Amino acid sequence: MKSNIYLQGFLTFLKIGLFTIGGGYAMIPLIEREVVDRHRWLDKEEFLDLMSLSQALPGVFAVNFSIYIGQRLRGLRGSLALAAGIVLPSFVIILLVAMFFMAFADNRVIEAVFKGVRPAVVALIAVPCVKLGKAARITPSNVWFPLLVAVAIAVAGISPVYIIIAVAVGAYIYGRYFKD
């Protein structure tokens, strides 16, 4: 019996949205495991390209991811199914938190849980950064570039939009005039 790709995609992204704490970047390892390793909807190279594209486009990172994969699998309906899967858990959880947060805002246990989750979220975000660095062939000789960009954004307050534009122009010039 042939599986329903819409339902399979919806449930896959529902699971990703439901069990990933920390947002888009923390979802990367789970998305990669499901999309590349388990279902083989994308290969590793296409996954990395999509990650860059999803980051550069306006909107929510994970939603951009799901829309692209859904489009690749089954067009507009696939995009809608996968986007619904990734958005639904967050929508329901935020709705529930909004309904009950004020009643538990001063609860010490709830406060402790939130403080305890923070380091785990940092780790969930750090792991894909390290993996992405390896996949992008970041080495000790070229690690200065991503560090310089991070400092430009975090310390100097330069908008990531300007950095993306500058890198795109620089890459074009390099590819057009300097690459053999």
Protein backbone atom coordinates (compact mmCIF):
# COMPACT_ATOMS: atom_id res chain seq x y z
CA MET A 1 0.00 0.00 0.00
CA LYS A 2 1.35 3.41 -0.99
CA SER A 3 1.82 5.88 1.87
CA ASN A 4 0.12 9.25 1.84
CA ILE A 5 3.01 11.70 1.43
CA TYR A 6 0.85 14.61 2.63
CA LEU A 7 0.00 12.84 5.87
CA GLN A 8 3.54 11.51 6.28
CA GLY A 9 5.01 14.99 5.73
CA PHE A 10 2.45 16.64 8.01
CA LEU A 11 3.11 14.15 10.82
CA THR A 12 6.88 14.39 10.39
CA PHE A 13 6.84 18.17 10.69
CA LEU A 14 4.23 18.05 13.45
CA LYS A 15 6.65 15.87 15.44
CA ILE A 16 9.52 18.27 14.71
CA GLY A 17 7.44 21.25 15.81
CA LEU A 18 6.13 19.49 18.89
CA PHE A 19 9.36 18.07 20.27
CA THR A 20 11.87 20.78 19.49
CA ILE A 21 12.40 23.36 22.20
CA GLY A 22 14.28 26.49 21.22
CA GLY A 23 12.92 27.41 17.82
CA GLY A 24 14.26 27.18 14.28
CA TYR A 25 17.96 26.62 14.83
CA ALA A 26 17.36 24.05 17.53
CA MET A 27 15.18 22.17 15.02
CA ILE A 28 18.00 21.70 12.51
CA PRO A 29 19.32 18.36 13.83
CA LEU A 30 15.83 16.85 13.98
CA ILE A 31 14.88 18.20 10.54
CA GLU A 32 18.11 16.81 9.10
CA ARG A 33 17.58 13.41 10.69
CA GLU A 34 14.00 13.18 9.41
CA VAL A 35 14.37 14.78 5.98
CA VAL A 36 17.85 13.59 4.95
CA ASP A 37 18.51 10.39 6.88
CA ARG A 38 15.10 8.85 7.50
CA HIS A 39 12.86 9.86 4.57
CA ARG A 40 15.58 10.85 2.07
CA TRP A 41 13.51 13.74 0.76
CA LEU A 42 16.73 15.78 0.35
CA ASP A 43 20.40 14.87 0.14
CA LYS A 44 22.96 16.47 2.48
CA GLU A 45 24.11 19.07 -0.06
CA GLU A 46 20.56 20.18 -0.87
CA PHE A 47 19.78 20.31 2.86
CA LEU A 48 22.68 22.70 3.47
CA ASP A 49 21.65 24.86 0.52
CA LEU A 50 18.09 24.96 1.81
CA MET A 51 19.28 25.87 5.28
CA SER A 52 21.13 28.88 3.86
CA LEU A 53 18.18 29.90 1.73
CA SER A 54 15.65 29.49 4.56
CA GLN A 55 17.82 31.67 6.76
CA ALA A 56 18.19 34.41 4.15
CA LEU A 57 14.49 34.64 3.28
CA PRO A 58 12.06 36.66 5.36
CA GLY A 59 9.84 34.70 7.68
CA VAL A 60 10.21 31.92 10.19
CA PHE A 61 13.18 29.65 9.50
CA ALA A 62 11.40 26.32 10.13
CA VAL A 63 8.34 27.38 8.15
CA ASN A 64 10.55 28.34 5.18
CA PHE A 65 12.19 24.91 5.45
CA SER A 66 8.87 23.07 5.52
CA ILE A 67 7.42 25.07 2.61
CA TYR A 68 10.40 24.32 0.38
CA ILE A 69 10.40 20.61 1.18
CA GLY A 70 6.63 20.38 0.70
CA GLN A 71 6.93 22.19 -2.64
CA ARG A 72 9.65 19.79 -3.73
CA LEU A 73 7.61 16.75 -2.72
CA ARG A 74 4.10 17.67 -3.88
CA GLY A 75 3.86 21.30 -4.95
CA LEU A 76 1.50 23.77 -3.29
CA ARG A 77 -0.49 21.14 -1.39
CA GLY A 78 2.72 19.61 -0.06
CA SER A 79 3.89 23.04 1.09
CA LEU A 80 0.61 23.66 2.89
CA ALA A 81 0.64 20.23 4.57
CA LEU A 82 4.21 20.50 5.86
CA ALA A 83 3.84 24.16 6.89
CA ALA A 84 0.68 23.27 8.83
CA GLY A 85 2.56 20.47 10.56
CA ILE A 86 5.41 22.72 11.71
CA VAL A 87 3.16 25.62 12.76
CA LEU A 88 0.35 23.79 14.55
CA PRO A 89 2.30 22.72 17.69
CA SER A 90 3.69 26.22 18.27
CA PHE A 91 0.29 27.79 17.74
CA VAL A 92 -1.40 25.46 20.23
CA ILE A 93 1.39 25.75 22.81
CA ILE A 94 1.50 29.56 22.59
CA LEU A 95 -2.27 29.69 22.87
CA LEU A 96 -2.18 27.51 26.00
CA VAL A 97 0.70 29.47 27.53
CA ALA A 98 -1.13 32.74 26.87
CA MET A 99 -4.25 31.37 28.50
CA PHE A 100 -2.54 30.08 31.64
CA PHE A 101 0.74 32.01 31.99
CA MET A 102 -0.52 34.76 34.24
CA ALA A 103 -1.88 32.20 36.71
CA PHE A 104 1.55 30.51 36.96
CA ALA A 105 3.92 33.42 36.27
CA ASP A 106 5.11 33.65 39.88
CA ASN A 107 5.31 29.88 40.46
CA ARG A 108 8.85 28.93 41.56
CA VAL A 109 8.67 25.50 39.92
CA ILE A 110 7.69 26.96 36.54
CA GLU A 111 10.41 29.59 36.86
CA ALA A 112 12.98 26.89 37.68
CA VAL A 113 11.90 24.83 34.68
CA PHE A 114 12.40 27.79 32.34
CA LYS A 115 15.83 28.52 33.85
CA GLY A 116 16.77 24.85 33.50
CA VAL A 117 15.76 24.65 29.86
CA ARG A 118 17.92 27.62 28.79
CA PRO A 119 21.30 25.78 28.76
CA ALA A 120 19.76 22.90 26.82
CA VAL A 121 18.47 25.33 24.20
CA VAL A 122 21.96 26.84 23.83
CA ALA A 123 23.35 23.34 23.24
CA LEU A 124 20.61 22.56 20.73
CA ILE A 125 21.59 25.68 18.80
CA ALA A 126 25.37 25.08 19.11
CA VAL A 127 25.31 21.56 17.65
CA PRO A 128 23.93 22.59 14.23
CA CYS A 129 26.37 25.51 14.14
CA VAL A 130 29.30 23.12 14.56
CA LYS A 131 27.84 20.70 11.97
CA LEU A 132 27.22 23.54 9.55
CA GLY A 133 30.78 24.76 10.06
CA LYS A 134 32.15 21.31 9.22
CA ALA A 135 29.89 20.97 6.18
CA ALA A 136 30.88 24.46 5.00
CA ARG A 137 34.54 23.45 5.38
CA ILE A 138 35.32 26.02 8.06
CA THR A 139 38.93 25.43 9.09
CA PRO A 140 41.37 27.20 11.41
CA SER A 141 42.63 29.15 8.39
CA ASN A 142 39.22 30.55 7.40
CA VAL A 143 37.34 30.63 10.73
CA TRP A 144 38.07 34.35 10.91
CA PHE A 145 35.34 35.11 8.37
CA PRO A 146 32.32 33.75 10.30
CA LEU A 147 33.76 35.16 13.52
CA LEU A 148 34.15 38.58 11.90
CA VAL A 149 30.54 38.44 10.66
CA ALA A 150 29.30 37.40 14.13
CA VAL A 151 31.19 40.29 15.74
CA ALA A 152 29.90 42.71 13.10
CA ILE A 153 26.33 41.70 13.90
CA ALA A 154 26.55 41.25 17.68
CA VAL A 155 29.00 43.98 18.67
CA ALA A 156 28.92 46.57 15.90
CA GLY A 157 25.17 46.20 15.37
CA ILE A 158 25.43 45.84 11.59
CA SER A 159 22.23 44.47 10.11
CA PRO A 160 22.48 40.92 8.74
CA VAL A 161 20.76 42.23 5.61
CA TYR A 162 23.78 44.42 4.80
CA ILE A 163 26.13 41.53 5.44
CA ILE A 164 24.16 39.21 3.15
CA ILE A 165 24.18 41.86 0.41
CA ALA A 166 27.91 42.51 0.85
CA VAL A 167 28.74 38.80 0.77
CA ALA A 168 26.58 38.26 -2.32
CA VAL A 169 28.26 41.15 -4.15
CA GLY A 170 31.71 39.99 -3.03
CA ALA A 171 31.02 36.40 -4.11
CA TYR A 172 29.78 37.59 -7.49
CA ILE A 173 32.87 39.77 -8.04
CA TYR A 174 35.17 36.96 -6.91
CA GLY A 175 33.46 34.39 -9.12
CA ARG A 176 33.30 36.69 -12.11
CA TYR A 177 36.77 38.23 -12.05
CA PHE A 178 39.12 36.25 -9.82
CA LYS A 179 38.11 32.59 -9.91
CA ASP A 180 40.08 30.54 -12.44
